[in-house]
Amino acid sequence: MTSARADRLAVLALLAVPALVLGRALLPGRVLSPADLLVAAPLWGDAVAAANPLLADVAFMFHPWLVYAAEAIRSGRFPLWNPYAFTGVPFFANPQTALLFPLHGLAYVLPVPPALALIAILKL
């Protein structure tokens, strides 16, 4: 076996394992997100128990920021400012938004739910 072929097989194997684990999130109607935390907020907290409250930042901040950035970029605007938080806050200046993270480019060209799964697969 040539070294180039062995390298290709190794890359395929390294991509196959995360794809097998997270592949269900690529199916229609699925989202790789702890969104159950949204209904466990104080208003509905008695009705539903959250699975893992330590993931609240993902559900309440990171995924909404990614959706906002993707919608802004698709509409031709660069999201410097987020008018939806408080009375408006800097968006691009907040490093936690990861606006320029290369893998987030997938969410700017694909629908956000499958992009979240692809980003997770590529991060692994």
PDB file of N, CA and C in Angstrom:
ATOM      1  N   MET A   1       0.847  -1.170   0.000  1.00  0.00           N
ATOM      2  CA  MET A   1       0.000   0.000   0.000  1.00  0.00           C
ATOM      3  C   MET A   1       0.897   1.239   0.000  1.00  0.00           C
ATOM      4  N   THR A   2       0.609   2.153  -0.896  1.00  0.00           N
ATOM      5  CA  THR A   2       1.411   3.375  -0.974  1.00  0.00           C
ATOM      6  C   THR A   2       1.091   4.277   0.208  1.00  0.00           C
ATOM      7  N   SER A   3       2.014   5.171   0.494  1.00  0.00           N
ATOM      8  CA  SER A   3       1.793   6.051   1.651  1.00  0.00           C
ATOM      9  C   SER A   3       0.649   7.029   1.392  1.00  0.00           C
ATOM     10  N   ALA A   4       0.450   7.446   0.131  1.00  0.00           N
ATOM     11  CA  ALA A   4      -0.666   8.352  -0.177  1.00  0.00           C
ATOM     12  C   ALA A   4      -1.996   7.657   0.053  1.00  0.00           C
ATOM     13  N   ARG A   5      -2.080   6.403  -0.348  1.00  0.00           N
ATOM     14  CA  ARG A   5      -3.329   5.649  -0.149  1.00  0.00           C
ATOM     15  C   ARG A   5      -3.566   5.411   1.345  1.00  0.00           C
ATOM     16  N   ALA A   6      -2.512   5.102   2.068  1.00  0.00           N
ATOM     17  CA  ALA A   6      -2.643   4.903   3.516  1.00  0.00           C
ATOM     18  C   ALA A   6      -3.090   6.191   4.192  1.00  0.00           C
ATOM     19  N   ASP A   7      -2.565   7.317   3.724  1.00  0.00           N
ATOM     20  CA  ASP A   7      -2.981   8.602   4.290  1.00  0.00           C
ATOM     21  C   ASP A   7      -4.457   8.863   4.029  1.00  0.00           C
ATOM     22  N   ARG A   8      -4.911   8.567   2.805  1.00  0.00           N
ATOM     23  CA  ARG A   8      -6.334   8.767   2.479  1.00  0.00           C
ATOM     24  C   ARG A   8      -7.226   7.880   3.335  1.00  0.00           C
ATOM     25  N   LEU A   9      -6.817   6.628   3.528  1.00  0.00           N
ATOM     26  CA  LEU A   9      -7.605   5.722   4.369  1.00  0.00           C
ATOM     27  C   LEU A   9      -7.639   6.206   5.818  1.00  0.00           C
ATOM     28  N   ALA A  10      -6.530   6.724   6.303  1.00  0.00           N
ATOM     29  CA  ALA A  10      -6.492   7.235   7.675  1.00  0.00           C
ATOM     30  C   ALA A  10      -7.412   8.436   7.833  1.00  0.00           C
ATOM     31  N   VAL A  11      -7.409   9.334   6.857  1.00  0.00           N
ATOM     32  CA  VAL A  11      -8.287  10.508   6.915  1.00  0.00           C
ATOM     33  C   VAL A  11      -9.743  10.074   6.870  1.00  0.00           C
ATOM     34  N   LEU A  12     -10.066   9.118   5.994  1.00  0.00           N
ATOM     35  CA  LEU A  12     -11.446   8.613   5.924  1.00  0.00           C
ATOM     36  C   LEU A  12     -11.866   7.966   7.237  1.00  0.00           C
ATOM     37  N   ALA A  13     -10.979   7.208   7.841  1.00  0.00           N
ATOM     38  CA  ALA A  13     -11.298   6.573   9.122  1.00  0.00           C
ATOM     39  C   ALA A  13     -11.504   7.622  10.212  1.00  0.00           C
ATOM     40  N   LEU A  14     -10.660   8.660  10.208  1.00  0.00           N
ATOM     41  CA  LEU A  14     -10.801   9.710  11.216  1.00  0.00           C
ATOM     42  C   LEU A  14     -12.084  10.515  11.033  1.00  0.00           C
ATOM     43  N   LEU A  15     -12.575  10.637   9.811  1.00  0.00           N
ATOM     44  CA  LEU A  15     -13.843  11.329   9.570  1.00  0.00           C
ATOM     45  C   LEU A  15     -15.038  10.413   9.788  1.00  0.00           C
ATOM     46  N   ALA A  16     -14.848   9.111   9.586  1.00  0.00           N
ATOM     47  CA  ALA A  16     -15.964   8.169   9.691  1.00  0.00           C
ATOM     48  C   ALA A  16     -16.448   8.012  11.130  1.00  0.00           C
ATOM     49  N   VAL A  17     -15.541   7.978  12.076  1.00  0.00           N
ATOM     50  CA  VAL A  17     -15.948   7.762  13.474  1.00  0.00           C
ATOM     51  C   VAL A  17     -16.836   8.903  13.980  1.00  0.00           C
ATOM     52  N   PRO A  18     -16.425  10.172  13.851  1.00  0.00           N
ATOM     53  CA  PRO A  18     -17.334  11.246  14.283  1.00  0.00           C
ATOM     54  C   PRO A  18     -18.624  11.282  13.468  1.00  0.00           C
ATOM     55  N   ALA A  19     -18.539  10.949  12.180  1.00  0.00           N
ATOM     56  CA  ALA A  19     -19.748  10.945  11.352  1.00  0.00           C
ATOM     57  C   ALA A  19     -20.719   9.872  11.821  1.00  0.00           C
ATOM     58  N   LEU A  20     -20.207   8.733  12.258  1.00  0.00           N
ATOM     59  CA  LEU A  20     -21.089   7.684  12.775  1.00  0.00           C
ATOM     60  C   LEU A  20     -21.732   8.105  14.091  1.00  0.00           C
ATOM     61  N   VAL A  21     -20.967   8.770  14.935  1.00  0.00           N
ATOM     62  CA  VAL A  21     -21.488   9.188  16.241  1.00  0.00           C
ATOM     63  C   VAL A  21     -22.492  10.331  16.097  1.00  0.00           C
ATOM     64  N   LEU A  22     -22.181  11.304  15.244  1.00  0.00           N
ATOM     65  CA  LEU A  22     -23.003  12.511  15.132  1.00  0.00           C
ATOM     66  C   LEU A  22     -23.853  12.552  13.868  1.00  0.00           C
ATOM     67  N   GLY A  23     -23.807  11.505  13.072  1.00  0.00           N
ATOM     68  CA  GLY A  23     -24.492  11.504  11.782  1.00  0.00           C
ATOM     69  C   GLY A  23     -25.998  11.686  11.862  1.00  0.00           C
ATOM     70  N   ARG A  24     -26.621  11.226  12.939  1.00  0.00           N
ATOM     71  CA  ARG A  24     -28.082  11.381  13.067  1.00  0.00           C
ATOM     72  C   ARG A  24     -28.493  12.844  13.070  1.00  0.00           C
ATOM     73  N   ALA A  25     -27.606  13.719  13.505  1.00  0.00           N
ATOM     74  CA  ALA A  25     -27.916  15.151  13.529  1.00  0.00           C
ATOM     75  C   ALA A  25     -28.003  15.738  12.129  1.00  0.00           C
ATOM     76  N   LEU A  26     -27.509  15.021  11.129  1.00  0.00           N
ATOM     77  CA  LEU A  26     -27.584  15.493   9.748  1.00  0.00           C
ATOM     78  C   LEU A  26     -28.925  15.164   9.097  1.00  0.00           C
ATOM     79  N   LEU A  27     -29.717  14.323   9.746  1.00  0.00           N
ATOM     80  CA  LEU A  27     -31.019  13.947   9.190  1.00  0.00           C
ATOM     81  C   LEU A  27     -31.988  15.121   9.263  1.00  0.00           C
ATOM     82  N   PRO A  28     -32.947  15.178   8.335  1.00  0.00           N
ATOM     83  CA  PRO A  28     -33.938  16.269   8.368  1.00  0.00           C
ATOM     84  C   PRO A  28     -34.708  16.282   9.691  1.00  0.00           C
ATOM     85  N   GLY A  29     -34.941  17.458  10.204  1.00  0.00           N
ATOM     86  CA  GLY A  29     -35.690  17.606  11.447  1.00  0.00           C
ATOM     87  C   GLY A  29     -34.856  17.438  12.704  1.00  0.00           C
ATOM     88  N   ARG A  30     -33.569  17.197  12.562  1.00  0.00           N
ATOM     89  CA  ARG A  30     -32.686  17.023  13.722  1.00  0.00           C
ATOM     90  C   ARG A  30     -31.762  18.228  13.855  1.00  0.00           C
ATOM     91  N   VAL A  31     -31.449  18.587  15.096  1.00  0.00           N
ATOM     92  CA  VAL A  31     -30.521  19.686  15.364  1.00  0.00           C
ATOM     93  C   VAL A  31     -29.607  19.247  16.500  1.00  0.00           C
ATOM     94  N   LEU A  32     -28.322  19.434  16.323  1.00  0.00           N
ATOM     95  CA  LEU A  32     -27.355  19.107  17.364  1.00  0.00           C
ATOM     96  C   LEU A  32     -27.255  20.309  18.303  1.00  0.00           C
ATOM     97  N   SER A  33     -28.172  20.356  19.265  1.00  0.00           N
ATOM     98  CA  SER A  33     -28.246  21.501  20.164  1.00  0.00           C
ATOM     99  C   SER A  33     -28.949  21.090  21.455  1.00  0.00           C
ATOM    100  N   PRO A  34     -28.527  21.635  22.584  1.00  0.00           N
ATOM    101  CA  PRO A  34     -29.232  21.370  23.835  1.00  0.00           C
ATOM    102  C   PRO A  34     -30.461  22.272  23.976  1.00  0.00           C
ATOM    103  N   ALA A  35     -31.303  22.278  22.969  1.00  0.00           N
ATOM    104  CA  ALA A  35     -32.449  23.189  22.932  1.00  0.00           C
ATOM    105  C   ALA A  35     -33.509  22.853  23.976  1.00  0.00           C
ATOM    106  N   ASP A  36     -33.423  21.672  24.599  1.00  0.00           N
ATOM    107  CA  ASP A  36     -34.380  21.362  25.666  1.00  0.00           C
ATOM    108  C   ASP A  36     -34.234  22.339  26.830  1.00  0.00           C
ATOM    109  N   LEU A  37     -33.090  22.979  26.928  1.00  0.00           N
ATOM    110  CA  LEU A  37     -32.879  23.959  27.996  1.00  0.00           C
ATOM    111  C   LEU A  37     -33.751  25.191  27.824  1.00  0.00           C
ATOM    112  N   LEU A  38     -34.181  25.464  26.603  1.00  0.00           N
ATOM    113  CA  LEU A  38     -35.025  26.637  26.367  1.00  0.00           C
ATOM    114  C   LEU A  38     -36.378  26.495  27.052  1.00  0.00           C
ATOM    115  N   VAL A  39     -36.923  25.284  27.078  1.00  0.00           N
ATOM    116  CA  VAL A  39     -38.217  25.088  27.744  1.00  0.00           C
ATOM    117  C   VAL A  39     -38.051  24.817  29.237  1.00  0.00           C
ATOM    118  N   ALA A  40     -36.826  24.682  29.696  1.00  0.00           N
ATOM    119  CA  ALA A  40     -36.588  24.503  31.127  1.00  0.00           C
ATOM    120  C   ALA A  40     -36.302  25.839  31.807  1.00  0.00           C
ATOM    121  N   ALA A  41     -36.471  26.930  31.070  1.00  0.00           N
ATOM    122  CA  ALA A  41     -36.286  28.273  31.625  1.00  0.00           C
ATOM    123  C   ALA A  41     -37.322  28.509  32.721  1.00  0.00           C
ATOM    124  N   PRO A  42     -37.136  29.511  33.572  1.00  0.00           N
ATOM    125  CA  PRO A  42     -38.014  29.705  34.726  1.00  0.00           C
ATOM    126  C   PRO A  42     -39.514  29.692  34.429  1.00  0.00           C
ATOM    127  N   LEU A  43     -39.936  30.219  33.309  1.00  0.00           N
ATOM    128  CA  LEU A  43     -41.365  30.262  33.015  1.00  0.00           C
ATOM    129  C   LEU A  43     -41.965  28.866  32.878  1.00  0.00           C
ATOM    130  N   TRP A  44     -41.221  27.934  32.261  1.00  0.00           N
ATOM    131  CA  TRP A  44     -41.727  26.582  32.043  1.00  0.00           C
ATOM    132  C   TRP A  44     -40.984  25.556  32.880  1.00  0.00           C
ATOM    133  N   GLY A  45     -40.120  25.979  33.770  1.00  0.00           N
ATOM    134  CA  GLY A  45     -39.230  25.092  34.501  1.00  0.00           C
ATOM    135  C   GLY A  45     -39.897  23.948  35.232  1.00  0.00           C
ATOM    136  N   ASP A  46     -41.116  24.139  35.720  1.00  0.00           N
ATOM    137  CA  ASP A  46     -41.780  23.063  36.450  1.00  0.00           C
ATOM    138  C   ASP A  46     -42.269  21.961  35.522  1.00  0.00           C
ATOM    139  N   ALA A  47     -42.479  22.271  34.260  1.00  0.00           N
ATOM    140  CA  ALA A  47     -43.036  21.297  33.325  1.00  0.00           C
ATOM    141  C   ALA A  47     -41.986  20.340  32.776  1.00  0.00           C
ATOM    142  N   VAL A  48     -40.760  20.819  32.597  1.00  0.00           N
ATOM    143  CA  VAL A  48     -39.727  20.015  31.943  1.00  0.00           C
ATOM    144  C   VAL A  48     -38.431  20.125  32.730  1.00  0.00           C
ATOM    145  N   ALA A  49     -37.768  19.002  32.923  1.00  0.00           N
ATOM    146  CA  ALA A  49     -36.457  19.014  33.560  1.00  0.00           C
ATOM    147  C   ALA A  49     -35.385  19.053  32.476  1.00  0.00           C
ATOM    148  N   ALA A  50     -34.428  19.926  32.622  1.00  0.00           N
ATOM    149  CA  ALA A  50     -33.358  20.046  31.630  1.00  0.00           C
ATOM    150  C   ALA A  50     -32.408  18.861  31.736  1.00  0.00           C
ATOM    151  N   ALA A  51     -31.899  18.426  30.596  1.00  0.00           N
ATOM    152  CA  ALA A  51     -30.993  17.289  30.569  1.00  0.00           C
ATOM    153  C   ALA A  51     -29.632  17.638  31.175  1.00  0.00           C
ATOM    154  N   ASN A  52     -29.055  18.757  30.778  1.00  0.00           N
ATOM    155  CA  ASN A  52     -27.746  19.153  31.281  1.00  0.00           C
ATOM    156  C   ASN A  52     -27.668  20.677  31.341  1.00  0.00           C
ATOM    157  N   PRO A  53     -27.963  21.264  32.482  1.00  0.00           N
ATOM    158  CA  PRO A  53     -27.969  22.725  32.578  1.00  0.00           C
ATOM    159  C   PRO A  53     -26.594  23.358  32.369  1.00  0.00           C
ATOM    160  N   LEU A  54     -25.523  22.577  32.378  1.00  0.00           N
ATOM    161  CA  LEU A  54     -24.194  23.134  32.129  1.00  0.00           C
ATOM    162  C   LEU A  54     -24.021  23.570  30.677  1.00  0.00           C
ATOM    163  N   LEU A  55     -24.922  23.156  29.804  1.00  0.00           N
ATOM    164  CA  LEU A  55     -24.855  23.533  28.392  1.00  0.00           C
ATOM    165  C   LEU A  55     -25.717  24.749  28.078  1.00  0.00           C
ATOM    166  N   ALA A  56     -26.136  25.484  29.086  1.00  0.00           N
ATOM    167  CA  ALA A  56     -27.038  26.619  28.868  1.00  0.00           C
ATOM    168  C   ALA A  56     -26.431  27.680  27.961  1.00  0.00           C
ATOM    169  N   ASP A  57     -25.131  27.906  28.037  1.00  0.00           N
ATOM    170  CA  ASP A  57     -24.506  28.915  27.173  1.00  0.00           C
ATOM    171  C   ASP A  57     -24.674  28.569  25.700  1.00  0.00           C
ATOM    172  N   VAL A  58     -24.613  27.303  25.377  1.00  0.00           N
ATOM    173  CA  VAL A  58     -24.771  26.880  23.979  1.00  0.00           C
ATOM    174  C   VAL A  58     -26.177  27.205  23.497  1.00  0.00           C
ATOM    175  N   ALA A  59     -27.180  26.870  24.285  1.00  0.00           N
ATOM    176  CA  ALA A  59     -28.569  27.066  23.866  1.00  0.00           C
ATOM    177  C   ALA A  59     -28.998  28.528  23.893  1.00  0.00           C
ATOM    178  N   PHE A  60     -28.531  29.282  24.872  1.00  0.00           N
ATOM    179  CA  PHE A  60     -28.995  30.660  25.038  1.00  0.00           C
ATOM    180  C   PHE A  60     -28.115  31.702  24.353  1.00  0.00           C
ATOM    181  N   MET A  61     -26.858  31.359  24.043  1.00  0.00           N
ATOM    182  CA  MET A  61     -25.972  32.364  23.449  1.00  0.00           C
ATOM    183  C   MET A  61     -25.339  31.905  22.144  1.00  0.00           C
ATOM    184  N   PHE A  62     -24.572  30.829  22.158  1.00  0.00           N
ATOM    185  CA  PHE A  62     -23.753  30.492  20.995  1.00  0.00           C
ATOM    186  C   PHE A  62     -24.571  30.136  19.761  1.00  0.00           C
ATOM    187  N   HIS A  63     -25.584  29.302  19.895  1.00  0.00           N
ATOM    188  CA  HIS A  63     -26.391  28.961  18.721  1.00  0.00           C
ATOM    189  C   HIS A  63     -27.224  30.137  18.220  1.00  0.00           C
ATOM    190  N   PRO A  64     -27.868  30.921  19.091  1.00  0.00           N
ATOM    191  CA  PRO A  64     -28.558  32.117  18.576  1.00  0.00           C
ATOM    192  C   PRO A  64     -27.614  33.104  17.899  1.00  0.00           C
ATOM    193  N   TRP A  65     -26.411  33.262  18.424  1.00  0.00           N
ATOM    194  CA  TRP A  65     -25.446  34.147  17.768  1.00  0.00           C
ATOM    195  C   TRP A  65     -25.094  33.633  16.383  1.00  0.00           C
ATOM    196  N   LEU A  66     -24.916  32.324  16.254  1.00  0.00           N
ATOM    197  CA  LEU A  66     -24.580  31.756  14.949  1.00  0.00           C
ATOM    198  C   LEU A  66     -25.728  31.943  13.966  1.00  0.00           C
ATOM    199  N   VAL A  67     -26.956  31.760  14.426  1.00  0.00           N
ATOM    200  CA  VAL A  67     -28.123  31.970  13.560  1.00  0.00           C
ATOM    201  C   VAL A  67     -28.204  33.433  13.135  1.00  0.00           C
ATOM    202  N   TYR A  68     -28.002  34.355  14.078  1.00  0.00           N
ATOM    203  CA  TYR A  68     -28.043  35.784  13.742  1.00  0.00           C
ATOM    204  C   TYR A  68     -26.957  36.136  12.732  1.00  0.00           C
ATOM    205  N   ALA A  69     -25.741  35.648  12.954  1.00  0.00           N
ATOM    206  CA  ALA A  69     -24.636  35.942  12.032  1.00  0.00           C
ATOM    207  C   ALA A  69     -24.910  35.365  10.651  1.00  0.00           C
ATOM    208  N   ALA A  70     -25.424  34.144  10.594  1.00  0.00           N
ATOM    209  CA  ALA A  70     -25.709  33.517   9.298  1.00  0.00           C
ATOM    210  C   ALA A  70     -26.784  34.287   8.542  1.00  0.00           C
ATOM    211  N   GLU A  71     -27.845  34.696   9.247  1.00  0.00           N
ATOM    212  CA  GLU A  71     -28.913  35.457   8.584  1.00  0.00           C
ATOM    213  C   GLU A  71     -28.399  36.810   8.096  1.00  0.00           C
ATOM    214  N   ALA A  72     -27.568  37.466   8.895  1.00  0.00           N
ATOM    215  CA  ALA A  72     -27.028  38.770   8.497  1.00  0.00           C
ATOM    216  C   ALA A  72     -26.124  38.634   7.277  1.00  0.00           C
ATOM    217  N   ILE A  73     -25.238  37.664   7.294  1.00  0.00           N
ATOM    218  CA  ILE A  73     -24.304  37.497   6.178  1.00  0.00           C
ATOM    219  C   ILE A  73     -25.039  37.087   4.911  1.00  0.00           C
ATOM    220  N   ARG A  74     -26.046  36.211   5.040  1.00  0.00           N
ATOM    221  CA  ARG A  74     -26.829  35.817   3.856  1.00  0.00           C
ATOM    222  C   ARG A  74     -27.597  36.995   3.269  1.00  0.00           C
ATOM    223  N   SER A  75     -27.986  37.948   4.110  1.00  0.00           N
ATOM    224  CA  SER A  75     -28.727  39.108   3.604  1.00  0.00           C
ATOM    225  C   SER A  75     -27.795  40.211   3.108  1.00  0.00           C
ATOM    226  N   GLY A  76     -26.491  39.965   3.157  1.00  0.00           N
ATOM    227  CA  GLY A  76     -25.540  40.928   2.626  1.00  0.00           C
ATOM    228  C   GLY A  76     -25.027  41.945   3.627  1.00  0.00           C
ATOM    229  N   ARG A  77     -25.327  41.759   4.905  1.00  0.00           N
ATOM    230  CA  ARG A  77     -24.843  42.671   5.947  1.00  0.00           C
ATOM    231  C   ARG A  77     -23.734  41.987   6.739  1.00  0.00           C
ATOM    232  N   PHE A  78     -22.758  42.749   7.162  1.00  0.00           N
ATOM    233  CA  PHE A  78     -21.757  42.224   8.087  1.00  0.00           C
ATOM    234  C   PHE A  78     -22.225  42.589   9.492  1.00  0.00           C
ATOM    235  N   PRO A  79     -22.420  41.613  10.368  1.00  0.00           N
ATOM    236  CA  PRO A  79     -23.030  41.880  11.680  1.00  0.00           C
ATOM    237  C   PRO A  79     -22.078  42.539  12.684  1.00  0.00           C
ATOM    238  N   LEU A  80     -21.961  43.844  12.586  1.00  0.00           N
ATOM    239  CA  LEU A  80     -21.149  44.590  13.547  1.00  0.00           C
ATOM    240  C   LEU A  80     -21.886  44.798  14.865  1.00  0.00           C
ATOM    241  N   TRP A  81     -23.216  44.860  14.808  1.00  0.00           N
ATOM    242  CA  TRP A  81     -24.040  45.238  15.953  1.00  0.00           C
ATOM    243  C   TRP A  81     -25.193  44.257  16.076  1.00  0.00           C
ATOM    244  N   ASN A  82     -25.523  43.853  17.299  1.00  0.00           N
ATOM    245  CA  ASN A  82     -26.660  42.972  17.538  1.00  0.00           C
ATOM    246  C   ASN A  82     -27.777  43.794  18.186  1.00  0.00           C
ATOM    247  N   PRO A  83     -28.815  44.136  17.430  1.00  0.00           N
ATOM    248  CA  PRO A  83     -29.884  44.961  17.992  1.00  0.00           C
ATOM    249  C   PRO A  83     -30.851  44.170  18.874  1.00  0.00           C
ATOM    250  N   TYR A  84     -30.716  42.857  18.942  1.00  0.00           N
ATOM    251  CA  TYR A  84     -31.677  42.021  19.664  1.00  0.00           C
ATOM    252  C   TYR A  84     -31.305  41.774  21.123  1.00  0.00           C
ATOM    253  N   ALA A  85     -30.116  42.114  21.540  1.00  0.00           N
ATOM    254  CA  ALA A  85     -29.706  41.941  22.932  1.00  0.00           C
ATOM    255  C   ALA A  85     -29.745  43.299  23.629  1.00  0.00           C
ATOM    256  N   PHE A  86     -30.475  43.363  24.733  1.00  0.00           N
ATOM    257  CA  PHE A  86     -30.639  44.612  25.482  1.00  0.00           C
ATOM    258  C   PHE A  86     -31.132  45.704  24.528  1.00  0.00           C
ATOM    259  N   THR A  87     -30.484  46.849  24.488  1.00  0.00           N
ATOM    260  CA  THR A  87     -30.859  47.883  23.514  1.00  0.00           C
ATOM    261  C   THR A  87     -29.859  47.915  22.370  1.00  0.00           C
ATOM    262  N   GLY A  88     -29.122  46.845  22.218  1.00  0.00           N
ATOM    263  CA  GLY A  88     -28.115  46.705  21.182  1.00  0.00           C
ATOM    264  C   GLY A  88     -26.740  46.563  21.810  1.00  0.00           C
ATOM    265  N   VAL A  89     -25.951  45.656  21.281  1.00  0.00           N
ATOM    266  CA  VAL A  89     -24.595  45.427  21.787  1.00  0.00           C
ATOM    267  C   VAL A  89     -23.662  45.185  20.607  1.00  0.00           C
ATOM    268  N   PRO A  90     -22.368  45.464  20.779  1.00  0.00           N
ATOM    269  CA  PRO A  90     -21.423  45.137  19.716  1.00  0.00           C
ATOM    270  C   PRO A  90     -21.409  43.625  19.473  1.00  0.00           C
ATOM    271  N   PHE A  91     -21.451  43.244  18.222  1.00  0.00           N
ATOM    272  CA  PHE A  91     -21.453  41.820  17.882  1.00  0.00           C
ATOM    273  C   PHE A  91     -20.080  41.385  17.386  1.00  0.00           C
ATOM    274  N   PHE A  92     -19.556  42.065  16.401  1.00  0.00           N
ATOM    275  CA  PHE A  92     -18.251  41.698  15.844  1.00  0.00           C
ATOM    276  C   PHE A  92     -17.146  41.867  16.880  1.00  0.00           C
ATOM    277  N   ALA A  93     -17.281  42.839  17.766  1.00  0.00           N
ATOM    278  CA  ALA A  93     -16.255  43.102  18.775  1.00  0.00           C
ATOM    279  C   ALA A  93     -16.261  42.076  19.900  1.00  0.00           C
ATOM    280  N   ASN A  94     -17.295  41.256  19.989  1.00  0.00           N
ATOM    281  CA  ASN A  94     -17.373  40.226  21.019  1.00  0.00           C
ATOM    282  C   ASN A  94     -16.673  38.968  20.503  1.00  0.00           C
ATOM    283  N   PRO A  95     -15.539  38.590  21.071  1.00  0.00           N
ATOM    284  CA  PRO A  95     -14.824  37.425  20.547  1.00  0.00           C
ATOM    285  C   PRO A  95     -15.573  36.114  20.756  1.00  0.00           C
ATOM    286  N   GLN A  96     -16.521  36.081  21.690  1.00  0.00           N
ATOM    287  CA  GLN A  96     -17.261  34.846  21.923  1.00  0.00           C
ATOM    288  C   GLN A  96     -18.196  34.490  20.774  1.00  0.00           C
ATOM    289  N   THR A  97     -18.521  35.446  19.914  1.00  0.00           N
ATOM    290  CA  THR A  97     -19.392  35.133  18.781  1.00  0.00           C
ATOM    291  C   THR A  97     -18.682  34.266  17.755  1.00  0.00           C
ATOM    292  N   ALA A  98     -17.357  34.265  17.756  1.00  0.00           N
ATOM    293  CA  ALA A  98     -16.555  33.469  16.816  1.00  0.00           C
ATOM    294  C   ALA A  98     -16.987  33.720  15.378  1.00  0.00           C
ATOM    295  N   LEU A  99     -17.259  34.956  15.075  1.00  0.00           N
ATOM    296  CA  LEU A  99     -17.771  35.335  13.763  1.00  0.00           C
ATOM    297  C   LEU A  99     -16.834  34.943  12.629  1.00  0.00           C
ATOM    298  N   LEU A 100     -15.537  35.015  12.855  1.00  0.00           N
ATOM    299  CA  LEU A 100     -14.559  34.710  11.813  1.00  0.00           C
ATOM    300  C   LEU A 100     -13.957  33.311  11.939  1.00  0.00           C
ATOM    301  N   PHE A 101     -14.512  32.472  12.805  1.00  0.00           N
ATOM    302  CA  PHE A 101     -14.029  31.093  12.928  1.00  0.00           C
ATOM    303  C   PHE A 101     -14.265  30.382  11.599  1.00  0.00           C
ATOM    304  N   PRO A 102     -13.239  29.791  10.997  1.00  0.00           N
ATOM    305  CA  PRO A 102     -13.383  29.238   9.643  1.00  0.00           C
ATOM    306  C   PRO A 102     -14.521  28.231   9.473  1.00  0.00           C
ATOM    307  N   LEU A 103     -14.740  27.360  10.452  1.00  0.00           N
ATOM    308  CA  LEU A 103     -15.800  26.361  10.292  1.00  0.00           C
ATOM    309  C   LEU A 103     -17.195  26.976  10.342  1.00  0.00           C
ATOM    310  N   HIS A 104     -17.334  28.146  10.942  1.00  0.00           N
ATOM    311  CA  HIS A 104     -18.641  28.802  10.960  1.00  0.00           C
ATOM    312  C   HIS A 104     -19.056  29.258   9.575  1.00  0.00           C
ATOM    313  N   GLY A 105     -18.120  29.298   8.652  1.00  0.00           N
ATOM    314  CA  GLY A 105     -18.455  29.593   7.262  1.00  0.00           C
ATOM    315  C   GLY A 105     -19.458  28.604   6.693  1.00  0.00           C
ATOM    316  N   LEU A 106     -19.475  27.380   7.219  1.00  0.00           N
ATOM    317  CA  LEU A 106     -20.477  26.396   6.782  1.00  0.00           C
ATOM    318  C   LEU A 106     -21.886  26.884   7.092  1.00  0.00           C
ATOM    319  N   ALA A 107     -22.067  27.513   8.246  1.00  0.00           N
ATOM    320  CA  ALA A 107     -23.393  28.009   8.632  1.00  0.00           C
ATOM    321  C   ALA A 107     -23.800  29.211   7.806  1.00  0.00           C
ATOM    322  N   TYR A 108     -22.837  29.884   7.194  1.00  0.00           N
ATOM    323  CA  TYR A 108     -23.162  31.048   6.378  1.00  0.00           C
ATOM    324  C   TYR A 108     -23.630  30.651   4.983  1.00  0.00           C
ATOM    325  N   VAL A 109     -23.315  29.429   4.558  1.00  0.00           N
ATOM    326  CA  VAL A 109     -23.729  28.984   3.222  1.00  0.00           C
ATOM    327  C   VAL A 109     -24.730  27.834   3.257  1.00  0.00           C
ATOM    328  N   LEU A 110     -24.818  27.118   4.367  1.00  0.00           N
ATOM    329  CA  LEU A 110     -25.762  26.006   4.531  1.00  0.00           C
ATOM    330  C   LEU A 110     -26.816  26.401   5.559  1.00  0.00           C
ATOM    331  N   PRO A 111     -27.925  25.672   5.607  1.00  0.00           N
ATOM    332  CA  PRO A 111     -28.853  25.889   6.726  1.00  0.00           C
ATOM    333  C   PRO A 111     -28.136  25.594   8.052  1.00  0.00           C
ATOM    334  N   VAL A 112     -28.493  26.313   9.091  1.00  0.00           N
ATOM    335  CA  VAL A 112     -27.768  26.213  10.360  1.00  0.00           C
ATOM    336  C   VAL A 112     -27.848  24.824  11.001  1.00  0.00           C
ATOM    337  N   PRO A 113     -29.006  24.131  11.044  1.00  0.00           N
ATOM    338  CA  PRO A 113     -29.012  22.826  11.720  1.00  0.00           C
ATOM    339  C   PRO A 113     -28.002  21.811  11.166  1.00  0.00           C
ATOM    340  N   PRO A 114     -27.958  21.557   9.846  1.00  0.00           N
ATOM    341  CA  PRO A 114     -26.922  20.618   9.393  1.00  0.00           C
ATOM    342  C   PRO A 114     -25.512  21.189   9.522  1.00  0.00           C
ATOM    343  N   ALA A 115     -25.382  22.504   9.449  1.00  0.00           N
ATOM    344  CA  ALA A 115     -24.058  23.113   9.607  1.00  0.00           C
ATOM    345  C   ALA A 115     -23.523  22.874  11.016  1.00  0.00           C
ATOM    346  N   LEU A 116     -24.392  22.918  12.027  1.00  0.00           N
ATOM    347  CA  LEU A 116     -23.951  22.641  13.400  1.00  0.00           C
ATOM    348  C   LEU A 116     -23.381  21.234  13.510  1.00  0.00           C
ATOM    349  N   ALA A 117     -24.035  20.267  12.879  1.00  0.00           N
ATOM    350  CA  ALA A 117     -23.546  18.890  12.920  1.00  0.00           C
ATOM    351  C   ALA A 117     -22.225  18.761  12.169  1.00  0.00           C
ATOM    352  N   LEU A 118     -22.124  19.383  10.999  1.00  0.00           N
ATOM    353  CA  LEU A 118     -20.876  19.312  10.234  1.00  0.00           C
ATOM    354  C   LEU A 118     -19.728  19.978  10.981  1.00  0.00           C
ATOM    355  N   ILE A 119     -20.003  21.089  11.634  1.00  0.00           N
ATOM    356  CA  ILE A 119     -18.969  21.767  12.417  1.00  0.00           C
ATOM    357  C   ILE A 119     -18.485  20.854  13.543  1.00  0.00           C
ATOM    358  N   ALA A 120     -19.412  20.198  14.230  1.00  0.00           N
ATOM    359  CA  ALA A 120     -19.028  19.288  15.317  1.00  0.00           C
ATOM    360  C   ALA A 120     -18.215  18.112  14.788  1.00  0.00           C
ATOM    361  N   ILE A 121     -18.611  17.562  13.645  1.00  0.00           N
ATOM    362  CA  ILE A 121     -17.870  16.441  13.055  1.00  0.00           C
ATOM    363  C   ILE A 121     -16.456  16.875  12.687  1.00  0.00           C
ATOM    364  N   LEU A 122     -16.328  18.038  12.070  1.00  0.00           N
ATOM    365  CA  LEU A 122     -15.005  18.503  11.652  1.00  0.00           C
ATOM    366  C   LEU A 122     -14.136  18.918  12.834  1.00  0.00           C
ATOM    367  N   LYS A 123     -14.748  19.349  13.934  1.00  0.00           N
ATOM    368  CA  LYS A 123     -13.962  19.686  15.122  1.00  0.00           C
ATOM    369  C   LYS A 123     -13.376  18.436  15.769  1.00  0.00           C
ATOM    370  N   LEU A 124     -14.098  17.327  15.675  1.00  0.00           N
ATOM    371  CA  LEU A 124     -13.588  16.098  16.280  1.00  0.00           C
ATOM    372  C   LEU A 124     -12.476  15.544  15.436  1.00  0.00           C
TER     373      LEU A 124
END
